[in-house]
Each structure stands twice: as structure tokens, then as C-alpha cells.
Amino acid sequence: MATQIFVNLPVESLEKSIAFFTELGYTFNPQFTDEKATCMVISDTIYIMLLTVPFFKTFTTKEIVDAHKAVECSICLSADSKEAVDAIVEKAKAAGATIPNPASDYGWMYQHSFADLDGHHWEHVWMDPNGMPQKQVQGLSPVATSITAAQLGC
């Protein structure tokens, strides 16, 4: 079985977060959804657990980061094309996200980001590792240069 990833994020309003991510085209697993949390499905191996702040606090004694003021992590998801990157960011903006920076286009890689309703940072990226400039390839370790486009999901 492939390793699965579950990213846990605190949210102020579970209802508003579900509505926001539904606008972006994501679905939720009702088996793991109640008034305290929901399981957003990214793929068959990637899930985002949106937890109300009080429920999230039951898993840690540390202070929870205010993602509107500080970045606790950057969630980066791949896309099939530059147009797909722009489409998801536009959907996010229409649903109430903020766009902290313009898109970055490096030719072989294109990325754009948004902050969701709770300030969590989401990156969407398209890349063609075969198009990476040779100068950058030469500066990478032998392990990094052996990664194929298929391994990167491109």
C-alpha cells in the first residue's frame, strides 16, 4: 500500500472552510466528517484534515500559529498545466482567498499561490523537469539529477 499523507489544519469555521474548498472542486469523506472535523480528499493518497481550532488544540500543548500573521507551512500541489495552476488560483480568489504574490514563470516551472480563509498558504505548481536549465541541473546532486519526470508526477 502506498504511503498516505494527512495534513491537519486548524480552521475557525468548519462550515465556511468546507464551502470554500468545495468551490475549488474538492470533495470530503463523510466517514471522517462531523461537527469538529472533515477529511478533504486531494487524491487517493493525500488528505487534508480540517479541524476546528478547539478540536485541533486537543492534539497539542503548543500555541497554534495564526496563519494570517505567520506561515506554519506551505502546502504545494502539482498541476497538469500552467492553465490548471491559474484556474485553481482563480477559483480560490473567487471563493474568498487572498493572493499574496503574482504567479512566477521560470519557463520549465510555473507556480502561483493563495491564502485560504484561515490564512494557510497553498502553492500550485506545474513543472517540466526536462526543461530545467542545464546550469541548474549541473548544480544539483547526482541523486537530484537522476529524478525523472515520471517520478515528479509530470
C-alpha atoms as a PDB file:
ATOM      1  CA  MET A   1       0.000   0.000   0.000  1.00  0.00           C
ATOM      2  CA  ALA A   2       1.261   3.464  -0.866  1.00  0.00           C
ATOM      3  CA  THR A   3       2.053   5.814   1.997  1.00  0.00           C
ATOM      4  CA  GLN A   4      -0.775   8.219   2.640  1.00  0.00           C
ATOM      5  CA  ILE A   5      -0.377  11.769   3.892  1.00  0.00           C
ATOM      6  CA  PHE A   6      -2.828  13.511   6.200  1.00  0.00           C
ATOM      7  CA  VAL A   7      -2.166  17.226   6.694  1.00  0.00           C
ATOM      8  CA  ASN A   8      -4.017  18.626   9.715  1.00  0.00           C
ATOM      9  CA  LEU A   9      -5.020  22.289   9.609  1.00  0.00           C
ATOM     10  CA  PRO A  10      -6.885  24.317  12.234  1.00  0.00           C
ATOM     11  CA  VAL A  11      -9.869  26.300  10.927  1.00  0.00           C
ATOM     12  CA  GLU A  12     -12.075  28.911  12.567  1.00  0.00           C
ATOM     13  CA  SER A  13     -15.261  27.869  10.760  1.00  0.00           C
ATOM     14  CA  LEU A  14     -15.538  24.314   9.520  1.00  0.00           C
ATOM     15  CA  GLU A  15     -18.686  25.165   7.556  1.00  0.00           C
ATOM     16  CA  LYS A  16     -17.038  28.088   5.742  1.00  0.00           C
ATOM     17  CA  SER A  17     -13.896  26.043   5.032  1.00  0.00           C
ATOM     18  CA  ILE A  18     -15.945  23.210   3.536  1.00  0.00           C
ATOM     19  CA  ALA A  19     -17.826  25.702   1.359  1.00  0.00           C
ATOM     20  CA  PHE A  20     -14.544  27.349   0.268  1.00  0.00           C
ATOM     21  CA  PHE A  21     -12.805  24.128  -0.737  1.00  0.00           C
ATOM     22  CA  THR A  22     -15.965  22.787  -2.372  1.00  0.00           C
ATOM     23  CA  GLU A  23     -15.808  25.844  -4.668  1.00  0.00           C
ATOM     24  CA  LEU A  24     -12.292  24.736  -5.625  1.00  0.00           C
ATOM     25  CA  GLY A  25     -13.647  21.318  -6.636  1.00  0.00           C
ATOM     26  CA  TYR A  26     -12.553  19.231  -3.655  1.00  0.00           C
ATOM     27  CA  THR A  27     -14.699  16.558  -2.049  1.00  0.00           C
ATOM     28  CA  PHE A  28     -14.955  15.357   1.534  1.00  0.00           C
ATOM     29  CA  ASN A  29     -15.101  11.901   3.044  1.00  0.00           C
ATOM     30  CA  PRO A  30     -18.330  11.789   5.098  1.00  0.00           C
ATOM     31  CA  GLN A  31     -16.972   8.826   7.067  1.00  0.00           C
ATOM     32  CA  PHE A  32     -14.452  11.188   8.694  1.00  0.00           C
ATOM     33  CA  THR A  33     -16.614  14.290   8.965  1.00  0.00           C
ATOM     34  CA  ASP A  34     -18.531  15.602  11.954  1.00  0.00           C
ATOM     35  CA  GLU A  35     -19.054  18.975  13.643  1.00  0.00           C
ATOM     36  CA  LYS A  36     -15.377  19.114  14.730  1.00  0.00           C
ATOM     37  CA  ALA A  37     -13.527  17.960  11.616  1.00  0.00           C
ATOM     38  CA  THR A  38     -13.676  16.903   7.986  1.00  0.00           C
ATOM     39  CA  CYS A  39     -11.448  14.932   5.682  1.00  0.00           C
ATOM     40  CA  MET A  40     -10.838  16.746   2.386  1.00  0.00           C
ATOM     41  CA  VAL A  41      -9.755  14.424  -0.410  1.00  0.00           C
ATOM     42  CA  ILE A  42      -6.897  15.662  -2.598  1.00  0.00           C
ATOM     43  CA  SER A  43      -6.118  12.258  -4.152  1.00  0.00           C
ATOM     44  CA  ASP A  44      -6.284   8.598  -3.222  1.00  0.00           C
ATOM     45  CA  THR A  45      -3.202   9.093  -1.016  1.00  0.00           C
ATOM     46  CA  ILE A  46      -3.381  12.765   0.062  1.00  0.00           C
ATOM     47  CA  TYR A  47      -5.908  14.160   2.531  1.00  0.00           C
ATOM     48  CA  ILE A  48      -6.328  17.434   4.384  1.00  0.00           C
ATOM     49  CA  MET A  49      -7.952  17.176   7.788  1.00  0.00           C
ATOM     50  CA  LEU A  50      -9.681  20.462   8.560  1.00  0.00           C
ATOM     51  CA  LEU A  51     -10.120  20.637  12.334  1.00  0.00           C
ATOM     52  CA  THR A  52     -11.937  23.292  14.334  1.00  0.00           C
ATOM     53  CA  VAL A  53      -9.473  25.214  16.486  1.00  0.00           C
ATOM     54  CA  PRO A  54     -10.801  23.793  19.802  1.00  0.00           C
ATOM     55  CA  PHE A  55     -10.524  20.249  18.434  1.00  0.00           C
ATOM     56  CA  PHE A  56      -7.076  20.906  16.937  1.00  0.00           C
ATOM     57  CA  LYS A  57      -5.903  22.085  20.382  1.00  0.00           C
ATOM     58  CA  THR A  58      -6.624  18.634  21.820  1.00  0.00           C
ATOM     59  CA  PHE A  59      -3.696  17.258  19.780  1.00  0.00           C
ATOM     60  CA  THR A  60      -1.013  19.636  21.027  1.00  0.00           C
ATOM     61  CA  THR A  61       0.057  21.694  24.023  1.00  0.00           C
ATOM     62  CA  LYS A  62       1.850  24.195  21.760  1.00  0.00           C
ATOM     63  CA  GLU A  63       0.430  27.514  20.678  1.00  0.00           C
ATOM     64  CA  ILE A  64      -1.396  27.352  17.352  1.00  0.00           C
ATOM     65  CA  VAL A  65       0.031  29.647  14.700  1.00  0.00           C
ATOM     66  CA  ASP A  66      -2.197  32.447  13.415  1.00  0.00           C
ATOM     67  CA  ALA A  67      -1.704  31.737   9.717  1.00  0.00           C
ATOM     68  CA  HIS A  68      -2.833  35.287   8.870  1.00  0.00           C
ATOM     69  CA  LYS A  69       0.313  36.571  10.618  1.00  0.00           C
ATOM     70  CA  ALA A  70       2.868  33.770  10.173  1.00  0.00           C
ATOM     71  CA  VAL A  71       3.402  30.834   7.856  1.00  0.00           C
ATOM     72  CA  GLU A  72       3.292  27.482   9.605  1.00  0.00           C
ATOM     73  CA  CYS A  73       3.842  25.557   6.367  1.00  0.00           C
ATOM     74  CA  SER A  74       3.335  25.822   2.627  1.00  0.00           C
ATOM     75  CA  ILE A  75       1.175  23.145   1.059  1.00  0.00           C
ATOM     76  CA  CYS A  76       2.291  22.608  -2.522  1.00  0.00           C
ATOM     77  CA  LEU A  77       0.272  20.576  -5.012  1.00  0.00           C
ATOM     78  CA  SER A  78       1.198  19.778  -8.586  1.00  0.00           C
ATOM     79  CA  ALA A  79      -0.957  20.628 -11.582  1.00  0.00           C
ATOM     80  CA  ASP A  80      -1.102  19.266 -15.123  1.00  0.00           C
ATOM     81  CA  SER A  81      -0.501  22.639 -16.808  1.00  0.00           C
ATOM     82  CA  LYS A  82       0.078  26.339 -16.284  1.00  0.00           C
ATOM     83  CA  GLU A  83      -3.589  26.866 -17.122  1.00  0.00           C
ATOM     84  CA  ALA A  84      -4.611  24.429 -14.372  1.00  0.00           C
ATOM     85  CA  VAL A  85      -2.475  26.381 -11.878  1.00  0.00           C
ATOM     86  CA  ASP A  86      -4.172  29.635 -12.887  1.00  0.00           C
ATOM     87  CA  ALA A  87      -7.630  28.016 -12.814  1.00  0.00           C
ATOM     88  CA  ILE A  88      -7.336  26.766  -9.217  1.00  0.00           C
ATOM     89  CA  VAL A  89      -5.942  30.108  -8.015  1.00  0.00           C
ATOM     90  CA  GLU A  90      -8.774  31.977  -9.761  1.00  0.00           C
ATOM     91  CA  LYS A  91     -11.350  29.641  -8.162  1.00  0.00           C
ATOM     92  CA  ALA A  92      -9.728  30.255  -4.784  1.00  0.00           C
ATOM     93  CA  LYS A  93      -9.798  34.031  -5.298  1.00  0.00           C
ATOM     94  CA  ALA A  94     -13.472  33.918  -6.297  1.00  0.00           C
ATOM     95  CA  ALA A  95     -14.230  31.870  -3.180  1.00  0.00           C
ATOM     96  CA  GLY A  96     -12.573  34.445  -0.881  1.00  0.00           C
ATOM     97  CA  ALA A  97      -8.861  33.601  -0.854  1.00  0.00           C
ATOM     98  CA  THR A  98      -6.194  36.263  -0.885  1.00  0.00           C
ATOM     99  CA  ILE A  99      -3.423  36.208  -3.481  1.00  0.00           C
ATOM    100  CA  PRO A 100      -0.146  37.184  -1.774  1.00  0.00           C
ATOM    101  CA  ASN A 101       2.059  37.263  -4.882  1.00  0.00           C
ATOM    102  CA  PRO A 102       1.771  37.198  -8.659  1.00  0.00           C
ATOM    103  CA  ALA A 103       2.493  33.930 -10.462  1.00  0.00           C
ATOM    104  CA  SER A 104       6.134  33.039 -11.094  1.00  0.00           C
ATOM    105  CA  ASP A 105       7.048  31.650 -14.506  1.00  0.00           C
ATOM    106  CA  TYR A 106      10.506  30.129 -14.898  1.00  0.00           C
ATOM    107  CA  GLY A 107       9.721  28.559 -18.272  1.00  0.00           C
ATOM    108  CA  TRP A 108      10.183  24.981 -17.080  1.00  0.00           C
ATOM    109  CA  MET A 109       8.281  25.675 -13.820  1.00  0.00           C
ATOM    110  CA  TYR A 110       5.224  27.798 -13.105  1.00  0.00           C
ATOM    111  CA  GLN A 111       3.811  28.464  -9.653  1.00  0.00           C
ATOM    112  CA  HIS A 112       1.117  30.536  -8.043  1.00  0.00           C
ATOM    113  CA  SER A 113      -0.235  30.661  -4.516  1.00  0.00           C
ATOM    114  CA  PHE A 114      -3.148  31.738  -2.384  1.00  0.00           C
ATOM    115  CA  ALA A 115      -4.027  32.017   1.286  1.00  0.00           C
ATOM    116  CA  ASP A 116      -7.259  30.270   2.250  1.00  0.00           C
ATOM    117  CA  LEU A 117      -9.892  31.720   4.594  1.00  0.00           C
ATOM    118  CA  ASP A 118      -7.755  30.857   7.631  1.00  0.00           C
ATOM    119  CA  GLY A 119      -4.544  32.195   6.083  1.00  0.00           C
ATOM    120  CA  HIS A 120      -2.997  28.793   5.256  1.00  0.00           C
ATOM    121  CA  HIS A 121      -0.543  29.072   2.345  1.00  0.00           C
ATOM    122  CA  TRP A 122      -1.302  26.903  -0.714  1.00  0.00           C
ATOM    123  CA  GLU A 123       1.065  26.651  -3.701  1.00  0.00           C
ATOM    124  CA  HIS A 124       0.125  25.111  -7.027  1.00  0.00           C
ATOM    125  CA  VAL A 125       2.916  24.272  -9.423  1.00  0.00           C
ATOM    126  CA  TRP A 126       3.410  22.902 -12.900  1.00  0.00           C
ATOM    127  CA  MET A 127       6.856  21.840 -13.984  1.00  0.00           C
ATOM    128  CA  ASP A 128       8.722  20.127 -16.766  1.00  0.00           C
ATOM    129  CA  PRO A 129      11.945  18.793 -15.198  1.00  0.00           C
ATOM    130  CA  ASN A 130      13.265  18.031 -18.680  1.00  0.00           C
ATOM    131  CA  GLY A 131      13.153  21.758 -19.377  1.00  0.00           C
ATOM    132  CA  MET A 132      15.220  22.711 -16.318  1.00  0.00           C
ATOM    133  CA  PRO A 133      18.152  24.905 -17.381  1.00  0.00           C
ATOM    134  CA  GLN A 134      21.356  22.867 -17.691  1.00  0.00           C
ATOM    135  CA  LYS A 135      23.164  25.247 -15.325  1.00  0.00           C
ATOM    136  CA  GLN A 136      20.695  24.352 -12.561  1.00  0.00           C
ATOM    137  CA  VAL A 137      20.900  20.645 -13.362  1.00  0.00           C
ATOM    138  CA  GLN A 138      24.706  20.754 -13.052  1.00  0.00           C
ATOM    139  CA  GLY A 139      24.412  22.317  -9.598  1.00  0.00           C
ATOM    140  CA  LEU A 140      22.200  19.521  -8.275  1.00  0.00           C
ATOM    141  CA  SER A 141      23.399  16.408  -6.531  1.00  0.00           C
ATOM    142  CA  PRO A 142      23.644  13.178  -8.565  1.00  0.00           C
ATOM    143  CA  VAL A 143      20.518  11.920  -6.768  1.00  0.00           C
ATOM    144  CA  ALA A 144      18.525  15.014  -7.704  1.00  0.00           C
ATOM    145  CA  THR A 145      19.609  14.880 -11.353  1.00  0.00           C
ATOM    146  CA  SER A 146      18.516  11.256 -11.635  1.00  0.00           C
ATOM    147  CA  ILE A 147      14.899  12.057 -10.767  1.00  0.00           C
ATOM    148  CA  THR A 148      12.732  11.524 -13.820  1.00  0.00           C
ATOM    149  CA  ALA A 149       9.685  13.477 -14.888  1.00  0.00           C
ATOM    150  CA  ALA A 150       7.523  10.465 -14.074  1.00  0.00           C
ATOM    151  CA  GLN A 151       8.826  10.393 -10.512  1.00  0.00           C
ATOM    152  CA  LEU A 152       7.882  14.043 -10.123  1.00  0.00           C
ATOM    153  CA  GLY A 153       4.409  13.389 -11.451  1.00  0.00           C
ATOM    154  CA  CYS A 154       4.973  15.351 -14.650  1.00  0.00           C
END
